[in-house]
């Protein structure tokens, strides 16, 4: 059983982008946008719920 289920609290997810460069990151439900700093994004997940994010990538080929 997940401990977040019994004692829910806000969590922070850290997303790392290794070989791709995102240009825009948006929560699908709330339309909140997230900043990208050094190929890393931090997303707060309130009370152990789910967040659905849309990541738009840069189309440049290298």
PDB file of N, CA and C in Angstrom:
ATOM      1  N   UNK A   1       0.846  -1.180   0.000  1.00  0.00           N
ATOM      2  CA  UNK A   1       0.000   0.000   0.000  1.00  0.00           C
ATOM      3  C   UNK A   1       0.888   1.238   0.000  1.00  0.00           C
ATOM      4  N   UNK A   2       0.536   2.201  -0.806  1.00  0.00           N
ATOM      5  CA  UNK A   2       1.304   3.440  -0.915  1.00  0.00           C
ATOM      6  C   UNK A   2       1.087   4.310   0.312  1.00  0.00           C
ATOM      7  N   UNK A   3       2.172   4.772   0.930  1.00  0.00           N
ATOM      8  CA  UNK A   3       2.039   5.612   2.138  1.00  0.00           C
ATOM      9  C   UNK A   3       1.369   6.947   1.822  1.00  0.00           C
ATOM     10  N   UNK A   4       1.435   7.410   0.579  1.00  0.00           N
ATOM     11  CA  UNK A   4       0.760   8.637   0.196  1.00  0.00           C
ATOM     12  C   UNK A   4      -0.749   8.502   0.195  1.00  0.00           C
ATOM     13  N   UNK A   5      -1.233   7.268   0.118  1.00  0.00           N
ATOM     14  CA  UNK A   5      -2.683   7.033   0.154  1.00  0.00           C
ATOM     15  C   UNK A   5      -3.221   7.237   1.571  1.00  0.00           C
ATOM     16  N   UNK A   6      -2.486   6.763   2.565  1.00  0.00           N
ATOM     17  CA  UNK A   6      -2.951   6.881   3.947  1.00  0.00           C
ATOM     18  C   UNK A   6      -2.725   8.278   4.516  1.00  0.00           C
ATOM     19  N   UNK A   7      -1.595   8.878   4.196  1.00  0.00           N
ATOM     20  CA  UNK A   7      -1.249  10.207   4.687  1.00  0.00           C
ATOM     21  C   UNK A   7      -0.884  11.096   3.503  1.00  0.00           C
ATOM     22  N   UNK A   8      -1.887  11.566   2.745  1.00  0.00           N
ATOM     23  CA  UNK A   8      -1.571  12.351   1.542  1.00  0.00           C
ATOM     24  C   UNK A   8      -0.904  13.679   1.880  1.00  0.00           C
ATOM     25  N   UNK A   9       0.048  14.057   1.032  1.00  0.00           N
ATOM     26  CA  UNK A   9       0.711  15.346   1.164  1.00  0.00           C
ATOM     27  C   UNK A   9       1.202  15.761  -0.214  1.00  0.00           C
ATOM     28  N   UNK A  10       1.505  17.028  -0.378  1.00  0.00           N
ATOM     29  CA  UNK A  10       2.016  17.514  -1.655  1.00  0.00           C
ATOM     30  C   UNK A  10       3.408  16.949  -1.890  1.00  0.00           C
ATOM     31  N   UNK A  11       3.681  16.566  -3.114  1.00  0.00           N
ATOM     32  CA  UNK A  11       4.990  16.034  -3.506  1.00  0.00           C
ATOM     33  C   UNK A  11       5.530  16.861  -4.659  1.00  0.00           C
ATOM     34  N   UNK A  12       6.822  16.799  -4.872  1.00  0.00           N
ATOM     35  CA  UNK A  12       7.444  17.500  -5.988  1.00  0.00           C
ATOM     36  C   UNK A  12       8.111  16.482  -6.896  1.00  0.00           C
ATOM     37  N   UNK A  13       7.688  16.454  -8.151  1.00  0.00           N
ATOM     38  CA  UNK A  13       8.297  15.575  -9.154  1.00  0.00           C
ATOM     39  C   UNK A  13       9.322  16.389  -9.927  1.00  0.00           C
ATOM     40  N   UNK A  14      10.480  15.813 -10.159  1.00  0.00           N
ATOM     41  CA  UNK A  14      11.527  16.465 -10.933  1.00  0.00           C
ATOM     42  C   UNK A  14      11.681  15.685 -12.233  1.00  0.00           C
ATOM     43  N   UNK A  15      11.513  16.382 -13.363  1.00  0.00           N
ATOM     44  CA  UNK A  15      11.580  15.758 -14.681  1.00  0.00           C
ATOM     45  C   UNK A  15      12.881  16.204 -15.340  1.00  0.00           C
ATOM     46  N   UNK A  16      13.693  15.229 -15.762  1.00  0.00           N
ATOM     47  CA  UNK A  16      14.965  15.506 -16.425  1.00  0.00           C
ATOM     48  C   UNK A  16      14.832  15.183 -17.909  1.00  0.00           C
ATOM     49  N   UNK A  17      15.293  16.085 -18.754  1.00  0.00           N
ATOM     50  CA  UNK A  17      15.303  15.882 -20.200  1.00  0.00           C
ATOM     51  C   UNK A  17      16.760  15.703 -20.619  1.00  0.00           C
ATOM     52  N   UNK A  18      17.098  14.523 -21.093  1.00  0.00           N
ATOM     53  CA  UNK A  18      18.502  14.225 -21.407  1.00  0.00           C
ATOM     54  C   UNK A  18      18.917  14.694 -22.787  1.00  0.00           C
ATOM     55  N   UNK A  19      18.279  14.198 -23.827  1.00  0.00           N
ATOM     56  CA  UNK A  19      18.729  14.500 -25.187  1.00  0.00           C
ATOM     57  C   UNK A  19      17.758  15.371 -25.970  1.00  0.00           C
ATOM     58  N   UNK A  20      16.643  15.736 -25.377  1.00  0.00           N
ATOM     59  CA  UNK A  20      15.667  16.594 -26.052  1.00  0.00           C
ATOM     60  C   UNK A  20      15.543  17.911 -25.301  1.00  0.00           C
ATOM     61  N   UNK A  21      15.067  18.934 -26.009  1.00  0.00           N
ATOM     62  CA  UNK A  21      14.901  20.245 -25.391  1.00  0.00           C
ATOM     63  C   UNK A  21      13.425  20.643 -25.475  1.00  0.00           C
ATOM     64  N   UNK A  22      12.730  20.681 -24.338  1.00  0.00           N
ATOM     65  CA  UNK A  22      11.326  21.101 -24.367  1.00  0.00           C
ATOM     66  C   UNK A  22      11.211  22.608 -24.563  1.00  0.00           C
ATOM     67  N   UNK A  23      10.199  23.026 -25.321  1.00  0.00           N
ATOM     68  CA  UNK A  23       9.961  24.456 -25.524  1.00  0.00           C
ATOM     69  C   UNK A  23       8.788  24.950 -24.690  1.00  0.00           C
ATOM     70  N   UNK A  24       7.883  24.041 -24.339  1.00  0.00           N
ATOM     71  CA  UNK A  24       6.709  24.437 -23.568  1.00  0.00           C
ATOM     72  C   UNK A  24       6.191  23.229 -22.796  1.00  0.00           C
ATOM     73  N   UNK A  25       5.850  23.439 -21.515  1.00  0.00           N
ATOM     74  CA  UNK A  25       5.289  22.381 -20.680  1.00  0.00           C
ATOM     75  C   UNK A  25       4.045  22.943 -20.010  1.00  0.00           C
ATOM     76  N   UNK A  26       2.905  22.277 -20.216  1.00  0.00           N
ATOM     77  CA  UNK A  26       1.623  22.777 -19.725  1.00  0.00           C
ATOM     78  C   UNK A  26       0.840  21.641 -19.065  1.00  0.00           C
ATOM     79  N   UNK A  27       0.213  21.928 -17.926  1.00  0.00           N
ATOM     80  CA  UNK A  27      -0.708  20.983 -17.304  1.00  0.00           C
ATOM     81  C   UNK A  27      -1.973  20.962 -18.159  1.00  0.00           C
ATOM     82  N   UNK A  28      -2.413  19.793 -18.581  1.00  0.00           N
ATOM     83  CA  UNK A  28      -3.559  19.670 -19.485  1.00  0.00           C
ATOM     84  C   UNK A  28      -4.854  20.133 -18.829  1.00  0.00           C
ATOM     85  N   UNK A  29      -5.036  19.857 -17.557  1.00  0.00           N
ATOM     86  CA  UNK A  29      -6.297  20.175 -16.891  1.00  0.00           C
ATOM     87  C   UNK A  29      -6.376  21.614 -16.383  1.00  0.00           C
ATOM     88  N   UNK A  30      -5.300  22.108 -15.768  1.00  0.00           N
ATOM     89  CA  UNK A  30      -5.335  23.443 -15.156  1.00  0.00           C
ATOM     90  C   UNK A  30      -4.756  24.534 -16.046  1.00  0.00           C
ATOM     91  N   UNK A  31      -4.102  24.149 -17.148  1.00  0.00           N
ATOM     92  CA  UNK A  31      -3.439  25.088 -18.083  1.00  0.00           C
ATOM     93  C   UNK A  31      -2.257  25.822 -17.449  1.00  0.00           C
ATOM     94  N   UNK A  32      -1.746  25.324 -16.327  1.00  0.00           N
ATOM     95  CA  UNK A  32      -0.571  25.911 -15.686  1.00  0.00           C
ATOM     96  C   UNK A  32       0.669  25.586 -16.522  1.00  0.00           C
ATOM     97  N   UNK A  33       1.549  26.567 -16.712  1.00  0.00           N
ATOM     98  CA  UNK A  33       2.783  26.333 -17.459  1.00  0.00           C
ATOM     99  C   UNK A  33       3.941  26.176 -16.480  1.00  0.00           C
ATOM    100  N   UNK A  34       4.961  25.424 -16.901  1.00  0.00           N
ATOM    101  CA  UNK A  34       6.114  25.151 -16.059  1.00  0.00           C
ATOM    102  C   UNK A  34       7.376  25.622 -16.755  1.00  0.00           C
ATOM    103  N   UNK A  35       8.301  26.143 -15.995  1.00  0.00           N
ATOM    104  CA  UNK A  35       9.573  26.630 -16.534  1.00  0.00           C
ATOM    105  C   UNK A  35      10.558  25.482 -16.646  1.00  0.00           C
ATOM    106  N   UNK A  36      11.448  25.577 -17.640  1.00  0.00           N
ATOM    107  CA  UNK A  36      12.515  24.589 -17.827  1.00  0.00           C
ATOM    108  C   UNK A  36      13.829  25.271 -17.502  1.00  0.00           C
ATOM    109  N   UNK A  37      14.547  24.740 -16.512  1.00  0.00           N
ATOM    110  CA  UNK A  37      15.837  25.284 -16.095  1.00  0.00           C
ATOM    111  C   UNK A  37      16.896  24.211 -16.226  1.00  0.00           C
ATOM    112  N   UNK A  38      17.853  24.419 -17.150  1.00  0.00           N
ATOM    113  CA  UNK A  38      18.952  23.464 -17.350  1.00  0.00           C
ATOM    114  C   UNK A  38      18.451  22.046 -17.611  1.00  0.00           C
ATOM    115  N   UNK A  39      17.474  21.909 -18.499  1.00  0.00           N
ATOM    116  CA  UNK A  39      16.905  20.611 -18.906  1.00  0.00           C
ATOM    117  C   UNK A  39      16.215  19.886 -17.761  1.00  0.00           C
ATOM    118  N   UNK A  40      15.729  20.641 -16.765  1.00  0.00           N
ATOM    119  CA  UNK A  40      15.022  20.061 -15.627  1.00  0.00           C
ATOM    120  C   UNK A  40      13.782  20.885 -15.328  1.00  0.00           C
ATOM    121  N   UNK A  41      12.700  20.204 -14.981  1.00  0.00           N
ATOM    122  CA  UNK A  41      11.460  20.870 -14.607  1.00  0.00           C
ATOM    123  C   UNK A  41      10.953  20.286 -13.299  1.00  0.00           C
ATOM    124  N   UNK A  42      10.471  21.153 -12.418  1.00  0.00           N
ATOM    125  CA  UNK A  42       9.875  20.702 -11.156  1.00  0.00           C
ATOM    126  C   UNK A  42       8.367  20.905 -11.227  1.00  0.00           C
ATOM    127  N   UNK A  43       7.631  19.840 -10.882  1.00  0.00           N
ATOM    128  CA  UNK A  43       6.172  19.877 -10.918  1.00  0.00           C
ATOM    129  C   UNK A  43       5.652  19.468  -9.544  1.00  0.00           C
ATOM    130  N   UNK A  44       4.861  20.319  -8.916  1.00  0.00           N
ATOM    131  CA  UNK A  44       4.260  19.987  -7.633  1.00  0.00           C
ATOM    132  C   UNK A  44       2.984  19.197  -7.869  1.00  0.00           C
ATOM    133  N   UNK A  45       2.869  18.058  -7.165  1.00  0.00           N
ATOM    134  CA  UNK A  45       1.685  17.209  -7.263  1.00  0.00           C
ATOM    135  C   UNK A  45       0.948  17.320  -5.924  1.00  0.00           C
ATOM    136  N   UNK A  46      -0.205  18.026  -5.900  1.00  0.00           N
ATOM    137  CA  UNK A  46      -0.894  18.265  -4.633  1.00  0.00           C
ATOM    138  C   UNK A  46      -1.579  17.025  -4.072  1.00  0.00           C
ATOM    139  N   UNK A  47      -1.377  16.792  -2.801  1.00  0.00           N
ATOM    140  CA  UNK A  47      -2.061  15.753  -2.036  1.00  0.00           C
ATOM    141  C   UNK A  47      -2.047  14.377  -2.680  1.00  0.00           C
ATOM    142  N   UNK A  48      -0.949  14.030  -3.343  1.00  0.00           N
ATOM    143  CA  UNK A  48      -0.803  12.694  -3.900  1.00  0.00           C
ATOM    144  C   UNK A  48      -1.670  12.410  -5.106  1.00  0.00           C
ATOM    145  N   UNK A  49      -2.210  13.439  -5.746  1.00  0.00           N
ATOM    146  CA  UNK A  49      -3.047  13.248  -6.923  1.00  0.00           C
ATOM    147  C   UNK A  49      -2.190  13.084  -8.170  1.00  0.00           C
ATOM    148  N   UNK A  50      -2.832  12.994  -9.323  1.00  0.00           N
ATOM    149  CA  UNK A  50      -2.140  12.895 -10.601  1.00  0.00           C
ATOM    150  C   UNK A  50      -2.080  14.254 -11.271  1.00  0.00           C
ATOM    151  N   UNK A  51      -1.047  14.467 -12.085  1.00  0.00           N
ATOM    152  CA  UNK A  51      -0.960  15.647 -12.956  1.00  0.00           C
ATOM    153  C   UNK A  51      -0.680  15.127 -14.351  1.00  0.00           C
ATOM    154  N   UNK A  52      -1.396  15.651 -15.308  1.00  0.00           N
ATOM    155  CA  UNK A  52      -1.189  15.281 -16.697  1.00  0.00           C
ATOM    156  C   UNK A  52      -0.556  16.478 -17.392  1.00  0.00           C
ATOM    157  N   UNK A  53       0.664  16.304 -17.878  1.00  0.00           N
ATOM    158  CA  UNK A  53       1.371  17.421 -18.492  1.00  0.00           C
ATOM    159  C   UNK A  53       1.624  17.132 -19.970  1.00  0.00           C
ATOM    160  N   UNK A  54       1.595  18.193 -20.750  1.00  0.00           N
ATOM    161  CA  UNK A  54       1.872  18.137 -22.175  1.00  0.00           C
ATOM    162  C   UNK A  54       3.229  18.790 -22.389  1.00  0.00           C
ATOM    163  N   UNK A  55       4.154  18.063 -23.028  1.00  0.00           N
ATOM    164  CA  UNK A  55       5.497  18.585 -23.279  1.00  0.00           C
ATOM    165  C   UNK A  55       5.665  18.795 -24.773  1.00  0.00           C
ATOM    166  N   UNK A  56       5.928  20.041 -25.155  1.00  0.00           N
ATOM    167  CA  UNK A  56       6.188  20.371 -26.555  1.00  0.00           C
ATOM    168  C   UNK A  56       7.699  20.436 -26.730  1.00  0.00           C
ATOM    169  N   UNK A  57       8.205  19.669 -27.709  1.00  0.00           N
ATOM    170  CA  UNK A  57       9.648  19.565 -27.909  1.00  0.00           C
ATOM    171  C   UNK A  57      10.106  20.456 -29.056  1.00  0.00           C
ATOM    172  N   UNK A  58      11.375  20.831 -29.002  1.00  0.00           N
ATOM    173  CA  UNK A  58      12.004  21.608 -30.064  1.00  0.00           C
ATOM    174  C   UNK A  58      12.212  20.685 -31.273  1.00  0.00           C
ATOM    175  N   UNK A  59      11.883  21.143 -32.474  1.00  0.00           N
ATOM    176  CA  UNK A  59      11.972  20.310 -33.679  1.00  0.00           C
ATOM    177  C   UNK A  59      13.332  20.347 -34.348  1.00  0.00           C
ATOM    178  N   UNK A  60      14.276  21.045 -33.803  1.00  0.00           N
ATOM    179  CA  UNK A  60      15.601  21.149 -34.420  1.00  0.00           C
ATOM    180  C   UNK A  60      16.318  19.794 -34.400  1.00  0.00           C
ATOM    181  N   UNK A  61      16.883  19.435 -35.530  1.00  0.00           N
ATOM    182  CA  UNK A  61      17.683  18.218 -35.609  1.00  0.00           C
ATOM    183  C   UNK A  61      19.155  18.603 -35.574  1.00  0.00           C
ATOM    184  N   UNK A  62      19.909  17.873 -34.786  1.00  0.00           N
ATOM    185  CA  UNK A  62      21.348  18.160 -34.670  1.00  0.00           C
ATOM    186  C   UNK A  62      22.149  16.972 -35.103  1.00  0.00           C
TER     187      UNK A  62
END
